[in-house]
Structure formats: structure tokens, C-alpha cells
Amino acid sequence: MERTQLGRKFYELGLRLGGLGPVLIGCGGGSLARALARAAGCGAALAGGEVRFHDGSCAACGAWLAEFYGLPASLFIRQEGADVAWSLLNEKGDAFTPAETEGPASACTGEWDLLAGADAAWAAHRAGDYRGEQGPACAQGPAALTLALERVGYEVSPRPVSGAPLFACGREGFDLRVEEGGMVFRPQGRDALAALAAYVQRPQAVPAFRPSGGAKTES
């Protein structure tokens, strides 16, 4: 879709979102994503909604913010080259499509605001307290994954380290994969950082308690 058509699409999406009240908007990947995020923000503000832009690096961070603050919608726009993808989630983290706004428009425009430090806040909330020195680890995923690993006590490298666990998640930060001791684990959680917190608290995360054998996948 041509970028001016995308602009109209996101503006109209913003108009529908504005009818819900406050909405979170984030973006990543390039200037087109930023422009489209602002187009959506303009629509939401003109519909009377309060727009909360955030600097989180992935959609899962926006979903956590919506959950934490009890906001009805979180929009995240991702650009890769000329391609654009987006996710729109409600306060429960589920995808949804906003309905057309009914009734007269709001008598005034909504305000814009910026939530800064979103990745650090997400990591701190999900990871919890420092758990002592965990040794080296490799992180592959959004910046918040590295922040969370450091918070629980790992020395994090962006490249694999011999004998160290690998923590990997997709670019939007929802699912976590852990490779450790020749085995593969897929801990569960509302997002990758919640899954990380669950993993480091489990006996399987301690070598003395980890079952021996070949590669294994946990679901």
C-alpha cells in the first residue's frame, strides 16, 4: 500500500481508537513507522481520545503498558524497509478491531503525552528483584530482554557464549525460547519477560536439577 494511503488508513484507525478513550501508540523500524504512528495519534486526538506515545521497542512492551495502566488499546507499528506491519491489542493483550465511532464527535481534542523509559520499566516490573550472579548469557531479541536478564543477574552478550544459556524471542517480544545445557525450553508467560521470570525461578534453571538427556522442548 502506498504511504499516503497508509497515512489515511492509520488516521481513520486513530479516529476509531479515540472513541475508546486513552490509547497507547508505539513504533519501530524507521521514519515511515513514526509518521504513521503520528497519523494515528492525530486521528485519536481529534476524536477526543488521550494519546500516550511510548518509546518501547516492541509490541509486547506496549501491551504491558496497557495492562499496567488499565488502558483500552495499544497500537504498535513496525517498519522493515518499505514494508509496514502493526498490531492492535486490547487491555487483555488480545487482538481486536475497533468499531466505528457512533454519536457526535467530542467537543474538544484529546492531549498527547510521551511515556519515556518504557523498556526499562517493563523489564523491572517483569524481572523483579536481583537474584545474584547468574553467569554469562546471550540475548537475542528486543532491548528489554537484555535489561531483564541483567536485572536478574546475568552478564549479557549479544553473541552466543560457549557453555552459556541463549535467551531468544521474536522482534515483538511475546514468546521466549531458552537453549541451555543442550536442551531447549519454551517457558510460558504473558510475554517473553514474564516467561523469563518464570524460567529463572524454576528448578530446571539450576543445572543440578535439570534433567539429563538430549534436546527437549517444553511447551
C-alpha atoms as a PDB file:
ATOM      1  CA  MET A   1       0.000   0.000   0.000  1.00  0.00           C
ATOM      2  CA  GLU A   2       1.347   3.444  -0.958  1.00  0.00           C
ATOM      3  CA  ARG A   3       2.415   5.545   2.024  1.00  0.00           C
ATOM      4  CA  THR A   4      -0.225   8.268   1.646  1.00  0.00           C
ATOM      5  CA  GLN A   5      -2.875   5.524   1.571  1.00  0.00           C
ATOM      6  CA  LEU A   6      -1.310   4.071   4.702  1.00  0.00           C
ATOM      7  CA  GLY A   7      -1.451   7.513   6.280  1.00  0.00           C
ATOM      8  CA  ARG A   8      -5.185   7.754   5.635  1.00  0.00           C
ATOM      9  CA  LYS A   9      -5.694   4.218   6.922  1.00  0.00           C
ATOM     10  CA  PHE A  10      -3.948   4.946  10.226  1.00  0.00           C
ATOM     11  CA  TYR A  11      -5.630   8.320  10.609  1.00  0.00           C
ATOM     12  CA  GLU A  12      -9.022   6.645  10.253  1.00  0.00           C
ATOM     13  CA  LEU A  13      -7.933   3.907  12.663  1.00  0.00           C
ATOM     14  CA  GLY A  14      -6.965   6.636  15.122  1.00  0.00           C
ATOM     15  CA  LEU A  15     -10.425   8.210  14.820  1.00  0.00           C
ATOM     16  CA  ARG A  16     -11.987   4.917  15.887  1.00  0.00           C
ATOM     17  CA  LEU A  17      -9.483   4.406  18.690  1.00  0.00           C
ATOM     18  CA  GLY A  18     -10.102   7.896  20.028  1.00  0.00           C
ATOM     19  CA  GLY A  19     -13.655   6.910  20.853  1.00  0.00           C
ATOM     20  CA  LEU A  20     -12.295   4.371  23.361  1.00  0.00           C
ATOM     21  CA  GLY A  21     -10.553   6.983  25.496  1.00  0.00           C
ATOM     22  CA  PRO A  22      -6.800   6.858  26.179  1.00  0.00           C
ATOM     23  CA  VAL A  23      -4.741   4.860  23.662  1.00  0.00           C
ATOM     24  CA  LEU A  24      -1.091   3.772  23.640  1.00  0.00           C
ATOM     25  CA  ILE A  25       0.893   4.115  20.418  1.00  0.00           C
ATOM     26  CA  GLY A  26       4.437   2.917  19.719  1.00  0.00           C
ATOM     27  CA  CYS A  27       6.546   2.271  16.638  1.00  0.00           C
ATOM     28  CA  GLY A  28       9.864   0.912  15.478  1.00  0.00           C
ATOM     29  CA  GLY A  29      11.988   0.470  12.393  1.00  0.00           C
ATOM     30  CA  GLY A  30      12.063   3.809  10.623  1.00  0.00           C
ATOM     31  CA  SER A  31      10.648   7.209   9.763  1.00  0.00           C
ATOM     32  CA  LEU A  32       7.593   5.828   7.949  1.00  0.00           C
ATOM     33  CA  ALA A  33       6.510   3.965  11.086  1.00  0.00           C
ATOM     34  CA  ARG A  34       6.953   7.154  13.125  1.00  0.00           C
ATOM     35  CA  ALA A  35       4.886   9.175  10.629  1.00  0.00           C
ATOM     36  CA  LEU A  36       2.105   6.578  10.645  1.00  0.00           C
ATOM     37  CA  ALA A  37       2.104   6.476  14.445  1.00  0.00           C
ATOM     38  CA  ARG A  38       1.589  10.234  14.477  1.00  0.00           C
ATOM     39  CA  ALA A  39      -1.159   9.966  11.874  1.00  0.00           C
ATOM     40  CA  ALA A  40      -2.970   7.519  14.140  1.00  0.00           C
ATOM     41  CA  GLY A  41      -2.337   9.828  17.090  1.00  0.00           C
ATOM     42  CA  CYS A  42      -3.827  12.775  15.206  1.00  0.00           C
ATOM     43  CA  GLY A  43      -6.975  10.819  14.475  1.00  0.00           C
ATOM     44  CA  ALA A  44      -7.321   9.649  18.083  1.00  0.00           C
ATOM     45  CA  ALA A  45      -6.758  13.156  19.477  1.00  0.00           C
ATOM     46  CA  LEU A  46      -9.250  14.746  17.079  1.00  0.00           C
ATOM     47  CA  ALA A  47     -11.805  12.150  18.179  1.00  0.00           C
ATOM     48  CA  GLY A  48     -11.273  13.310  21.766  1.00  0.00           C
ATOM     49  CA  GLY A  49      -9.012  10.464  22.896  1.00  0.00           C
ATOM     50  CA  GLU A  50      -5.919  10.865  25.073  1.00  0.00           C
ATOM     51  CA  VAL A  51      -2.838   9.697  23.140  1.00  0.00           C
ATOM     52  CA  ARG A  52       0.067   8.124  25.008  1.00  0.00           C
ATOM     53  CA  PHE A  53       3.086   7.637  22.760  1.00  0.00           C
ATOM     54  CA  HIS A  54       5.715   5.349  24.280  1.00  0.00           C
ATOM     55  CA  ASP A  55       9.362   4.638  23.462  1.00  0.00           C
ATOM     56  CA  GLY A  56       9.175   0.864  23.974  1.00  0.00           C
ATOM     57  CA  SER A  57      10.925  -1.194  21.310  1.00  0.00           C
ATOM     58  CA  CYS A  58       8.239  -3.809  20.629  1.00  0.00           C
ATOM     59  CA  ALA A  59       4.522  -4.566  20.702  1.00  0.00           C
ATOM     60  CA  ALA A  60       4.767  -6.644  23.902  1.00  0.00           C
ATOM     61  CA  CYS A  61       6.065  -3.611  25.776  1.00  0.00           C
ATOM     62  CA  GLY A  62       3.033  -1.629  24.634  1.00  0.00           C
ATOM     63  CA  ALA A  63       0.749  -4.485  25.689  1.00  0.00           C
ATOM     64  CA  TRP A  64       2.345  -4.487  29.159  1.00  0.00           C
ATOM     65  CA  LEU A  65       1.869  -0.724  29.457  1.00  0.00           C
ATOM     66  CA  ALA A  66      -1.816  -1.065  28.539  1.00  0.00           C
ATOM     67  CA  GLU A  67      -2.214  -3.809  31.149  1.00  0.00           C
ATOM     68  CA  PHE A  68      -0.289  -1.865  33.810  1.00  0.00           C
ATOM     69  CA  TYR A  69      -2.222   1.376  33.351  1.00  0.00           C
ATOM     70  CA  GLY A  70      -5.568  -0.225  32.511  1.00  0.00           C
ATOM     71  CA  LEU A  71      -5.821   1.386  29.068  1.00  0.00           C
ATOM     72  CA  PRO A  72      -8.204   0.003  26.435  1.00  0.00           C
ATOM     73  CA  ALA A  73      -5.895  -0.196  23.410  1.00  0.00           C
ATOM     74  CA  SER A  74      -2.247  -0.461  22.386  1.00  0.00           C
ATOM     75  CA  LEU A  75      -1.153   0.081  18.780  1.00  0.00           C
ATOM     76  CA  PHE A  76       2.381  -0.760  17.638  1.00  0.00           C
ATOM     77  CA  ILE A  77       3.615  -0.098  14.095  1.00  0.00           C
ATOM     78  CA  ARG A  78       6.699  -1.861  12.716  1.00  0.00           C
ATOM     79  CA  GLN A  79       8.580  -0.854   9.562  1.00  0.00           C
ATOM     80  CA  GLU A  80      11.046  -3.079   7.702  1.00  0.00           C
ATOM     81  CA  GLY A  81      12.303  -1.310   4.608  1.00  0.00           C
ATOM     82  CA  ALA A  82       9.194  -0.317   2.668  1.00  0.00           C
ATOM     83  CA  ASP A  83       7.018  -2.890   4.451  1.00  0.00           C
ATOM     84  CA  VAL A  84       4.784  -1.975   7.386  1.00  0.00           C
ATOM     85  CA  ALA A  85       3.102  -4.278   9.890  1.00  0.00           C
ATOM     86  CA  TRP A  86       1.157  -3.451  13.023  1.00  0.00           C
ATOM     87  CA  SER A  87      -0.571  -4.993  15.997  1.00  0.00           C
ATOM     88  CA  LEU A  88      -3.585  -3.623  17.832  1.00  0.00           C
ATOM     89  CA  LEU A  89      -4.267  -5.149  21.256  1.00  0.00           C
ATOM     90  CA  ASN A  90      -6.802  -4.514  23.999  1.00  0.00           C
ATOM     91  CA  GLU A  91      -6.067  -4.258  27.728  1.00  0.00           C
ATOM     92  CA  LYS A  92      -6.020  -8.073  27.964  1.00  0.00           C
ATOM     93  CA  GLY A  93      -3.404  -8.388  25.229  1.00  0.00           C
ATOM     94  CA  ASP A  94      -5.844  -9.755  22.661  1.00  0.00           C
ATOM     95  CA  ALA A  95      -6.085  -8.536  19.064  1.00  0.00           C
ATOM     96  CA  PHE A  96      -9.266  -6.625  18.268  1.00  0.00           C
ATOM     97  CA  THR A  97     -10.841  -4.327  15.679  1.00  0.00           C
ATOM     98  CA  PRO A  98     -12.281  -1.054  16.981  1.00  0.00           C
ATOM     99  CA  ALA A  99     -15.845  -0.291  15.976  1.00  0.00           C
ATOM    100  CA  GLU A 100     -16.854   2.837  14.112  1.00  0.00           C
ATOM    101  CA  THR A 101     -17.465   5.734  16.471  1.00  0.00           C
ATOM    102  CA  GLU A 102     -21.155   6.432  16.991  1.00  0.00           C
ATOM    103  CA  GLY A 103     -22.771   9.692  18.037  1.00  0.00           C
ATOM    104  CA  PRO A 104     -21.391  13.240  17.849  1.00  0.00           C
ATOM    105  CA  ALA A 105     -17.672  13.917  17.976  1.00  0.00           C
ATOM    106  CA  SER A 106     -16.094  15.006  21.237  1.00  0.00           C
ATOM    107  CA  ALA A 107     -16.405  18.702  21.971  1.00  0.00           C
ATOM    108  CA  CYS A 108     -12.634  19.062  22.379  1.00  0.00           C
ATOM    109  CA  THR A 109      -9.461  17.391  21.193  1.00  0.00           C
ATOM    110  CA  GLY A 110      -7.525  14.991  23.371  1.00  0.00           C
ATOM    111  CA  GLU A 111      -3.987  15.602  24.601  1.00  0.00           C
ATOM    112  CA  TRP A 112      -0.727  13.962  23.513  1.00  0.00           C
ATOM    113  CA  ASP A 113       1.804  12.684  26.017  1.00  0.00           C
ATOM    114  CA  LEU A 114       5.033  10.639  25.961  1.00  0.00           C
ATOM    115  CA  LEU A 115       5.816   7.707  28.234  1.00  0.00           C
ATOM    116  CA  ALA A 116       9.628   7.510  28.329  1.00  0.00           C
ATOM    117  CA  GLY A 117      11.724   4.635  29.646  1.00  0.00           C
ATOM    118  CA  ALA A 118       9.098   2.038  28.733  1.00  0.00           C
ATOM    119  CA  ASP A 119      11.546  -0.832  28.078  1.00  0.00           C
ATOM    120  CA  ALA A 120      13.315  -0.304  31.408  1.00  0.00           C
ATOM    121  CA  ALA A 121      10.001  -0.131  33.300  1.00  0.00           C
ATOM    122  CA  TRP A 122       8.720  -3.298  31.596  1.00  0.00           C
ATOM    123  CA  ALA A 123      11.955  -5.164  32.383  1.00  0.00           C
ATOM    124  CA  ALA A 124      11.988  -4.034  36.014  1.00  0.00           C
ATOM    125  CA  HIS A 125       8.351  -4.969  36.593  1.00  0.00           C
ATOM    126  CA  ARG A 126       8.584  -8.395  34.976  1.00  0.00           C
ATOM    127  CA  ALA A 127      12.054  -9.424  36.217  1.00  0.00           C
ATOM    128  CA  GLY A 128      11.553  -8.383  39.824  1.00  0.00           C
ATOM    129  CA  ASP A 129      14.426  -8.339  42.299  1.00  0.00           C
ATOM    130  CA  TYR A 130      18.082  -9.075  41.612  1.00  0.00           C
ATOM    131  CA  ARG A 131      18.777 -12.772  42.168  1.00  0.00           C
ATOM    132  CA  GLY A 132      22.560 -12.741  42.422  1.00  0.00           C
ATOM    133  CA  GLU A 133      25.238 -13.595  39.871  1.00  0.00           C
ATOM    134  CA  GLN A 134      23.864 -15.975  37.248  1.00  0.00           C
ATOM    135  CA  GLY A 135      26.912 -16.012  34.973  1.00  0.00           C
ATOM    136  CA  PRO A 136      27.123 -15.213  31.259  1.00  0.00           C
ATOM    137  CA  ALA A 137      24.203 -15.452  28.833  1.00  0.00           C
ATOM    138  CA  CYS A 138      23.359 -14.460  25.268  1.00  0.00           C
ATOM    139  CA  ALA A 139      20.261 -12.387  24.484  1.00  0.00           C
ATOM    140  CA  GLN A 140      18.630 -12.215  21.066  1.00  0.00           C
ATOM    141  CA  GLY A 141      15.557 -10.012  20.899  1.00  0.00           C
ATOM    142  CA  PRO A 142      14.273  -6.576  21.942  1.00  0.00           C
ATOM    143  CA  ALA A 143      16.386  -4.361  24.185  1.00  0.00           C
ATOM    144  CA  ALA A 144      14.135  -5.073  27.159  1.00  0.00           C
ATOM    145  CA  LEU A 145      15.182  -8.747  27.117  1.00  0.00           C
ATOM    146  CA  THR A 146      18.780  -7.711  27.786  1.00  0.00           C
ATOM    147  CA  LEU A 147      17.647  -5.316  30.524  1.00  0.00           C
ATOM    148  CA  ALA A 148      15.608  -8.034  32.226  1.00  0.00           C
ATOM    149  CA  LEU A 149      18.447 -10.577  32.050  1.00  0.00           C
ATOM    150  CA  GLU A 150      20.865  -8.071  33.557  1.00  0.00           C
ATOM    151  CA  ARG A 151      18.375  -7.300  36.300  1.00  0.00           C
ATOM    152  CA  VAL A 152      18.129 -10.932  37.401  1.00  0.00           C
ATOM    153  CA  GLY A 153      21.922 -11.247  37.422  1.00  0.00           C
ATOM    154  CA  TYR A 154      23.225 -12.387  34.025  1.00  0.00           C
ATOM    155  CA  GLU A 155      26.245 -10.929  32.225  1.00  0.00           C
ATOM    156  CA  VAL A 156      24.678 -10.480  28.809  1.00  0.00           C
ATOM    157  CA  SER A 157      26.335 -10.739  25.397  1.00  0.00           C
ATOM    158  CA  PRO A 158      24.663 -10.197  22.002  1.00  0.00           C
ATOM    159  CA  ARG A 159      26.633 -13.193  20.650  1.00  0.00           C
ATOM    160  CA  PRO A 160      26.489 -16.843  21.782  1.00  0.00           C
ATOM    161  CA  VAL A 161      28.898 -17.708  24.603  1.00  0.00           C
ATOM    162  CA  SER A 162      30.241 -21.257  24.901  1.00  0.00           C
ATOM    163  CA  GLY A 163      28.514 -23.089  27.740  1.00  0.00           C
ATOM    164  CA  ALA A 164      26.168 -20.180  28.489  1.00  0.00           C
ATOM    165  CA  PRO A 165      22.387 -20.154  28.006  1.00  0.00           C
ATOM    166  CA  LEU A 166      20.821 -18.457  24.999  1.00  0.00           C
ATOM    167  CA  PHE A 167      17.614 -16.468  25.557  1.00  0.00           C
ATOM    168  CA  ALA A 168      15.826 -15.583  22.321  1.00  0.00           C
ATOM    169  CA  CYS A 169      12.477 -14.033  21.451  1.00  0.00           C
ATOM    170  CA  GLY A 170      10.880 -12.595  18.353  1.00  0.00           C
ATOM    171  CA  ARG A 171      11.095  -8.919  17.479  1.00  0.00           C
ATOM    172  CA  GLU A 172       7.755  -8.121  19.149  1.00  0.00           C
ATOM    173  CA  GLY A 173       8.732  -9.689  22.481  1.00  0.00           C
ATOM    174  CA  PHE A 174       5.922 -12.172  23.135  1.00  0.00           C
ATOM    175  CA  ASP A 175       7.436 -15.691  23.116  1.00  0.00           C
ATOM    176  CA  LEU A 176      10.679 -16.862  24.735  1.00  0.00           C
ATOM    177  CA  ARG A 177      12.998 -19.714  23.757  1.00  0.00           C
ATOM    178  CA  VAL A 178      15.833 -20.807  26.043  1.00  0.00           C
ATOM    179  CA  GLU A 179      18.701 -23.031  24.916  1.00  0.00           C
ATOM    180  CA  GLU A 180      20.707 -24.315  27.869  1.00  0.00           C
ATOM    181  CA  GLY A 181      22.763 -27.443  28.502  1.00  0.00           C
ATOM    182  CA  GLY A 182      21.924 -28.948  25.118  1.00  0.00           C
ATOM    183  CA  MET A 183      18.203 -28.613  25.732  1.00  0.00           C
ATOM    184  CA  VAL A 184      15.506 -26.240  24.502  1.00  0.00           C
ATOM    185  CA  PHE A 185      12.858 -24.778  26.813  1.00  0.00           C
ATOM    186  CA  ARG A 186       9.835 -22.658  25.941  1.00  0.00           C
ATOM    187  CA  PRO A 187       8.660 -21.179  29.251  1.00  0.00           C
ATOM    188  CA  GLN A 188       5.200 -19.656  29.287  1.00  0.00           C
ATOM    189  CA  GLY A 189       4.082 -16.176  30.292  1.00  0.00           C
ATOM    190  CA  ARG A 190       2.031 -13.205  29.125  1.00  0.00           C
ATOM    191  CA  ASP A 191       5.129 -12.075  27.232  1.00  0.00           C
ATOM    192  CA  ALA A 192       8.802 -13.027  26.891  1.00  0.00           C
ATOM    193  CA  LEU A 193       9.851 -11.179  30.054  1.00  0.00           C
ATOM    194  CA  ALA A 194       7.157 -12.828  32.165  1.00  0.00           C
ATOM    195  CA  ALA A 195       8.327 -16.177  30.748  1.00  0.00           C
ATOM    196  CA  LEU A 196      11.930 -15.277  31.662  1.00  0.00           C
ATOM    197  CA  ALA A 197      10.930 -14.508  35.254  1.00  0.00           C
ATOM    198  CA  ALA A 198       9.157 -17.868  35.472  1.00  0.00           C
ATOM    199  CA  TYR A 199      12.139 -19.695  33.983  1.00  0.00           C
ATOM    200  CA  VAL A 200      14.778 -18.358  36.371  1.00  0.00           C
ATOM    201  CA  GLN A 201      12.615 -19.342  39.359  1.00  0.00           C
ATOM    202  CA  ARG A 202      12.171 -22.953  38.257  1.00  0.00           C
ATOM    203  CA  PRO A 203      14.395 -25.846  39.403  1.00  0.00           C
ATOM    204  CA  GLN A 204      15.133 -26.645  35.727  1.00  0.00           C
ATOM    205  CA  ALA A 205      17.011 -23.343  35.520  1.00  0.00           C
ATOM    206  CA  VAL A 206      19.550 -24.721  38.013  1.00  0.00           C
ATOM    207  CA  PRO A 207      21.978 -27.237  36.398  1.00  0.00           C
ATOM    208  CA  ALA A 208      21.847 -29.599  39.400  1.00  0.00           C
ATOM    209  CA  PHE A 209      18.097 -30.053  38.936  1.00  0.00           C
ATOM    210  CA  ARG A 210      17.915 -30.066  35.151  1.00  0.00           C
ATOM    211  CA  PRO A 211      17.076 -33.490  33.685  1.00  0.00           C
ATOM    212  CA  SER A 212      19.809 -35.080  31.613  1.00  0.00           C
ATOM    213  CA  GLY A 213      19.394 -36.285  28.073  1.00  0.00           C
ATOM    214  CA  GLY A 214      19.127 -34.967  24.566  1.00  0.00           C
ATOM    215  CA  ALA A 215      17.319 -31.983  23.169  1.00  0.00           C
ATOM    216  CA  LYS A 216      13.919 -31.340  24.649  1.00  0.00           C
ATOM    217  CA  THR A 217      11.175 -28.835  24.053  1.00  0.00           C
ATOM    218  CA  GLU A 218       8.860 -27.646  26.803  1.00  0.00           C
ATOM    219  CA  SER A 219       5.521 -26.163  25.923  1.00  0.00           C
END
